[in-house]
Amino acid sequence: MPNLVRALPPWGAAALLFRPRRRLAPEDPVISLLGRVRAIVGLVLVLVIAVWFRSYSNLDLENYLQGLAATTVLAIPSALLWMGLLVWLTAPARRRAALKQMRWPALSLGAFVLVMVLLFLFNAGGAGYVGGRLEAAGIDLPLDGLIYGGIFGLWLVVFCFSSAYLVTQHWFNAADGHPLLAPLMAGWMAWVAAANTLIFGDGDSGVPAYVVVGLPVGSALVTTALAAAEGWRAAHLYRVRLRGGPWPTGRPAPAGRASGTAD
C-alpha cells in the first residue's frame, strides 16, 4: 500500500519504474551526483537553445514524442547489446548468474517500451476521445485542449518527462544489472544521439548551423567525460572487473545478497 500511494503522483510512478533499487551495492553519492549532472546537462542545453533562439516549437509535445521515439528506437537495441556484451565478458562459470542479474534492467526496459506504446496510443486517439466525451457532457477541465485531455493529460505529460529524465540518468535501472552498465550506456548513447541529430535533424528549426553541430557534439563530449568518471569511480570503489561479473568486491553487497548470488 505505501508503494501504491507513492506511485500516485506522476514523478512517483516514474521513480517506481525507472529508479534502481541498488540491488548490487549501496548508492555512492559521487556516482549519483555525476549521473544527475550528466542527465541535467543534456536537458538544460536543449531548453536554453530553444529559448535563446525562440525555436519554441521544438519543445511541444509532438516534437517531444518524435524525439523520444527516435531515442527509444536507438536505446533499446543499444541496451540489449551492452547487457549481452557484459554477460559475455564475464567468466564462463559466472555467466548464467550474470545473465540472471540482467533481468532487472530488462524489466525496466520492458516497462519503458510499454510506457511509450501507451503514450503514443493516448496521443493518437485517446486524448481526442477523452476531450470529446468531456465536451459532450458539458465538463470543462483546466488545461483541456492545451495538455491533451485535461488533468489526466497533465499527469501523463509530467510522468513522461520524469521518466525521460530518470531513464537518461539511470539507463533502465542499469545499476541493478551491472555497476558499469550505466556509464557505458551513457557514453554510447551520447554519440549515437549526436550522430542521429546531425544526420536526420531538422535544418529549418531556426537555430544557427554552428549550434546545430556544436550542441550535439559538445553534449556528447561532456556526457562521455562524466560517464568515464562514473565508470572509473565504480570500477575502483567497488573493485568490479569485467571477468568477475557484476558483483562488487570492494564493498559488501546489501544484506542477504552474497557475491555471485545477488537478485
Protein backbone atom coordinates (compact mmCIF):
# COMPACT_ATOMS: atom_id res chain seq x y z
CA MET A 1 0.00 0.00 0.00
CA PRO A 2 2.75 2.60 0.77
CA ASN A 3 4.32 1.91 -2.65
CA LEU A 4 0.92 2.42 -4.30
CA VAL A 5 0.42 5.75 -2.54
CA ARG A 6 3.90 6.93 -3.55
CA ALA A 7 3.18 5.95 -7.16
CA LEU A 8 0.07 8.15 -7.43
CA PRO A 9 1.94 11.37 -8.35
CA PRO A 10 3.44 11.20 -11.85
CA TRP A 11 7.02 11.57 -10.56
CA GLY A 12 6.36 8.78 -8.05
CA ALA A 13 5.14 6.43 -10.77
CA ALA A 14 8.22 7.23 -12.88
CA ALA A 15 10.53 6.58 -9.91
CA LEU A 16 8.81 3.24 -9.22
CA LEU A 17 9.60 2.07 -12.75
CA PHE A 18 12.89 3.75 -13.60
CA ARG A 19 14.86 4.34 -10.39
CA PRO A 20 17.20 1.46 -9.47
CA ARG A 21 16.85 -0.36 -6.16
CA ARG A 22 20.65 -0.67 -5.71
CA ARG A 23 20.47 -4.46 -5.53
CA LEU A 24 24.21 -4.93 -6.02
CA ALA A 25 25.74 -2.27 -3.77
CA PRO A 26 24.75 0.79 -1.75
CA GLU A 27 24.42 4.03 -3.67
CA ASP A 28 27.62 6.07 -3.86
CA PRO A 29 26.92 9.82 -3.57
CA VAL A 30 29.68 10.78 -6.03
CA ILE A 31 28.45 8.39 -8.73
CA SER A 32 24.88 9.53 -8.10
CA LEU A 33 25.88 13.18 -8.44
CA LEU A 34 27.74 12.52 -11.70
CA GLY A 35 24.68 10.73 -13.09
CA ARG A 36 22.37 13.60 -12.17
CA VAL A 37 24.69 16.20 -13.67
CA ARG A 38 25.03 14.11 -16.83
CA ALA A 39 21.24 13.87 -17.23
CA ILE A 40 20.53 17.50 -16.37
CA VAL A 41 23.18 18.94 -18.68
CA GLY A 42 21.51 17.48 -21.76
CA LEU A 43 18.04 18.72 -20.78
CA VAL A 44 19.25 22.21 -19.86
CA LEU A 45 21.17 22.66 -23.12
CA VAL A 46 18.12 21.82 -25.20
CA LEU A 47 15.91 24.22 -23.22
CA VAL A 48 18.45 27.07 -23.32
CA ILE A 49 18.94 26.77 -27.08
CA ALA A 50 15.18 26.62 -27.72
CA VAL A 51 14.51 29.72 -25.59
CA TRP A 52 17.54 31.69 -26.76
CA PHE A 53 16.78 31.21 -30.45
CA ARG A 54 12.99 31.28 -29.94
CA SER A 55 12.54 27.86 -31.51
CA TYR A 56 9.76 27.10 -29.05
CA SER A 57 8.05 24.70 -31.43
CA ASN A 58 10.85 22.22 -30.70
CA LEU A 59 9.51 21.94 -27.15
CA ASP A 60 5.93 20.99 -28.00
CA LEU A 61 4.53 17.53 -27.24
CA GLU A 62 4.58 16.35 -30.84
CA ASN A 63 8.30 17.06 -31.27
CA TYR A 64 8.96 15.64 -27.84
CA LEU A 65 7.23 12.40 -28.83
CA GLN A 66 9.17 12.21 -32.08
CA GLY A 67 12.47 12.75 -30.29
CA LEU A 68 11.57 10.24 -27.61
CA ALA A 69 10.59 7.71 -30.28
CA ALA A 70 13.94 8.13 -32.02
CA THR A 71 15.77 7.72 -28.73
CA THR A 72 13.71 4.62 -27.95
CA VAL A 73 14.50 3.01 -31.28
CA LEU A 74 18.19 3.61 -30.64
CA ALA A 75 18.29 2.91 -26.90
CA ILE A 76 16.53 -0.45 -26.83
CA PRO A 77 18.97 -2.37 -29.07
CA SER A 78 21.88 -0.47 -27.51
CA ALA A 79 20.85 -1.55 -24.00
CA LEU A 80 20.41 -5.16 -25.09
CA LEU A 81 23.78 -5.06 -26.86
CA TRP A 82 25.66 -3.77 -23.81
CA MET A 83 23.84 -6.17 -21.47
CA GLY A 84 24.76 -9.10 -23.71
CA LEU A 85 28.36 -7.92 -24.06
CA LEU A 86 28.86 -7.59 -20.30
CA VAL A 87 27.43 -11.07 -19.76
CA TRP A 88 29.67 -12.49 -22.50
CA LEU A 89 32.76 -10.84 -20.97
CA THR A 90 32.00 -12.48 -17.61
CA ALA A 91 33.95 -15.65 -16.85
CA PRO A 92 32.05 -18.73 -18.17
CA ALA A 93 31.45 -20.11 -14.69
CA ARG A 94 29.55 -16.97 -13.70
CA ARG A 95 27.76 -16.07 -16.93
CA ARG A 96 24.48 -17.72 -16.01
CA ALA A 97 24.30 -15.79 -12.73
CA ALA A 98 25.30 -12.59 -14.55
CA LEU A 99 22.54 -13.17 -17.11
CA LYS A 100 20.04 -13.64 -14.29
CA GLN A 101 21.17 -10.35 -12.75
CA MET A 102 20.40 -8.56 -16.02
CA ARG A 103 16.70 -9.30 -15.61
CA TRP A 104 16.32 -6.08 -13.59
CA PRO A 105 17.37 -3.67 -16.35
CA ALA A 106 15.48 -5.90 -18.80
CA LEU A 107 12.27 -5.42 -16.79
CA SER A 108 12.81 -1.66 -16.71
CA LEU A 109 13.40 -1.70 -20.46
CA GLY A 110 10.12 -3.55 -20.95
CA ALA A 111 8.31 -1.02 -18.75
CA PHE A 112 9.75 1.79 -20.86
CA VAL A 113 8.50 0.19 -24.08
CA LEU A 114 5.04 -0.20 -22.54
CA VAL A 115 5.01 3.45 -21.45
CA MET A 116 5.96 4.54 -24.96
CA VAL A 117 3.19 2.46 -26.53
CA LEU A 118 0.58 3.83 -24.13
CA LEU A 119 1.80 7.39 -24.68
CA PHE A 120 1.52 7.17 -28.45
CA LEU A 121 -1.88 5.49 -28.28
CA PHE A 122 -3.14 8.23 -25.99
CA ASN A 123 -1.69 10.99 -28.13
CA ALA A 124 -3.04 9.43 -31.36
CA GLY A 125 -6.61 8.84 -30.26
CA GLY A 126 -7.20 8.67 -26.54
CA ALA A 127 -6.78 12.38 -25.88
CA GLY A 128 -9.30 13.35 -28.54
CA TYR A 129 -11.75 10.75 -27.27
CA VAL A 130 -11.43 11.99 -23.68
CA GLY A 131 -11.83 15.60 -24.76
CA GLY A 132 -14.88 14.75 -26.92
CA ARG A 133 -16.65 12.88 -24.14
CA LEU A 134 -15.98 15.67 -21.66
CA GLU A 135 -17.23 18.31 -24.11
CA ALA A 136 -20.37 16.28 -24.83
CA ALA A 137 -21.03 16.01 -21.12
CA GLY A 138 -20.56 19.75 -20.67
CA ILE A 139 -17.48 19.29 -18.49
CA ASP A 140 -14.71 21.85 -18.85
CA LEU A 141 -11.49 20.75 -17.17
CA PRO A 142 -8.49 23.04 -16.62
CA LEU A 143 -5.93 22.87 -19.42
CA ASP A 144 -8.25 20.81 -21.61
CA GLY A 145 -7.07 21.15 -25.20
CA LEU A 146 -3.75 22.63 -24.07
CA ILE A 147 -2.50 19.49 -22.33
CA TYR A 148 -4.27 16.81 -24.39
CA GLY A 149 -7.13 15.73 -22.22
CA GLY A 150 -7.19 17.89 -19.11
CA ILE A 151 -5.98 16.68 -15.73
CA PHE A 152 -5.10 13.17 -16.87
CA GLY A 153 -3.17 14.57 -19.81
CA LEU A 154 -1.23 16.84 -17.46
CA TRP A 155 -0.42 13.84 -15.23
CA LEU A 156 0.74 11.92 -18.31
CA VAL A 157 2.98 14.72 -19.58
CA VAL A 158 4.69 15.14 -16.17
CA PHE A 159 5.09 11.37 -15.91
CA CYS A 160 6.67 11.15 -19.36
CA PHE A 161 9.16 13.95 -18.74
CA SER A 162 10.03 12.48 -15.33
CA SER A 163 10.51 9.07 -16.94
CA ALA A 164 12.73 10.50 -19.68
CA TYR A 165 14.93 12.19 -17.07
CA LEU A 166 15.25 9.04 -14.94
CA VAL A 167 15.92 6.81 -17.94
CA THR A 168 18.63 9.20 -19.12
CA GLN A 169 20.19 9.20 -15.65
CA HIS A 170 19.92 5.50 -14.81
CA TRP A 171 19.55 3.87 -18.25
CA PHE A 172 16.85 1.34 -17.42
CA ASN A 173 17.98 0.70 -13.83
CA ALA A 174 21.35 -0.41 -15.17
CA ALA A 175 22.97 -0.29 -11.72
CA ASP A 176 20.83 -3.28 -10.69
CA GLY A 177 22.31 -5.31 -13.55
CA HIS A 178 25.97 -4.24 -13.55
CA PRO A 179 27.78 -1.28 -11.94
CA LEU A 180 29.45 -0.40 -15.26
CA LEU A 181 26.36 -0.69 -17.46
CA ALA A 182 25.02 2.85 -16.87
CA PRO A 183 28.24 4.73 -17.75
CA LEU A 184 28.82 2.52 -20.78
CA MET A 185 25.26 3.16 -21.98
CA ALA A 186 25.52 6.89 -21.29
CA GLY A 187 28.69 7.37 -23.32
CA TRP A 188 27.47 5.20 -26.17
CA MET A 189 24.04 6.82 -26.38
CA ALA A 190 25.54 10.33 -26.30
CA TRP A 191 27.36 9.69 -29.57
CA VAL A 192 24.51 7.70 -31.10
CA ALA A 193 22.12 10.58 -30.36
CA ALA A 194 24.63 13.12 -31.67
CA ALA A 195 25.02 11.21 -34.93
CA ASN A 196 21.25 10.85 -35.24
CA THR A 197 20.76 14.60 -34.72
CA LEU A 198 23.42 15.58 -37.24
CA ILE A 199 22.24 13.13 -39.92
CA PHE A 200 18.48 13.33 -39.52
CA GLY A 201 18.00 16.65 -37.71
CA ASP A 202 15.66 19.37 -38.95
CA GLY A 203 17.65 22.07 -40.72
CA ASP A 204 14.71 24.52 -40.69
CA SER A 205 14.44 24.91 -36.91
CA GLY A 206 15.76 28.49 -36.92
CA VAL A 207 18.85 27.55 -34.94
CA PRO A 208 22.22 28.59 -36.45
CA ALA A 209 24.27 25.88 -38.13
CA TYR A 210 27.17 26.18 -35.69
CA VAL A 211 24.76 25.48 -32.83
CA VAL A 212 23.14 22.58 -34.69
CA VAL A 213 26.59 20.96 -35.00
CA GLY A 214 28.15 22.18 -31.77
CA LEU A 215 25.31 21.31 -29.42
CA PRO A 216 25.14 17.53 -30.04
CA VAL A 217 28.92 17.18 -30.31
CA GLY A 218 29.55 19.28 -27.22
CA SER A 219 26.85 17.44 -25.28
CA ALA A 220 28.35 14.11 -26.32
CA LEU A 221 31.82 15.19 -25.18
CA VAL A 222 30.54 16.39 -21.80
CA THR A 223 28.42 13.27 -21.32
CA THR A 224 31.31 10.99 -22.25
CA ALA A 225 33.60 12.73 -19.76
CA LEU A 226 31.04 12.40 -16.97
CA ALA A 227 30.31 8.79 -17.90
CA ALA A 228 34.04 7.97 -17.89
CA ALA A 229 34.31 9.50 -14.41
CA GLU A 230 31.32 7.40 -13.29
CA GLY A 231 32.84 4.22 -14.70
CA TRP A 232 36.25 4.89 -13.16
CA ARG A 233 34.69 5.62 -9.78
CA ALA A 234 32.50 2.48 -9.87
CA ALA A 235 35.34 0.21 -11.01
CA HIS A 236 37.72 1.42 -8.29
CA LEU A 237 35.22 1.88 -5.47
CA TYR A 238 33.50 -1.48 -5.86
CA ARG A 239 36.51 -3.24 -7.47
CA VAL A 240 34.37 -4.56 -10.29
CA ARG A 241 36.13 -6.44 -13.08
CA LEU A 242 34.54 -7.49 -16.35
CA ARG A 243 35.57 -11.13 -15.98
CA GLY A 244 34.27 -11.23 -12.43
CA GLY A 245 30.74 -10.26 -13.36
CA PRO A 246 28.58 -7.53 -11.83
CA TRP A 247 29.20 -8.30 -8.16
CA PRO A 248 31.23 -5.76 -6.18
CA THR A 249 34.16 -6.98 -4.12
CA GLY A 250 35.22 -3.61 -2.70
CA ARG A 251 32.16 -3.20 -0.51
CA PRO A 252 29.82 -5.81 0.93
CA ALA A 253 26.62 -6.33 -1.02
CA PRO A 254 23.34 -5.49 0.73
CA ALA A 255 22.35 -7.88 3.49
CA GLY A 256 21.13 -11.25 2.26
CA ARG A 257 22.81 -10.97 -1.14
CA ALA A 258 26.13 -12.73 -1.22
CA SER A 259 28.59 -12.17 -4.05
CA GLY A 260 27.64 -14.12 -7.14
CA THR A 261 24.07 -14.71 -5.98
CA ALA A 262 22.58 -11.23 -5.92
CA ASP A 263 18.99 -10.86 -7.02
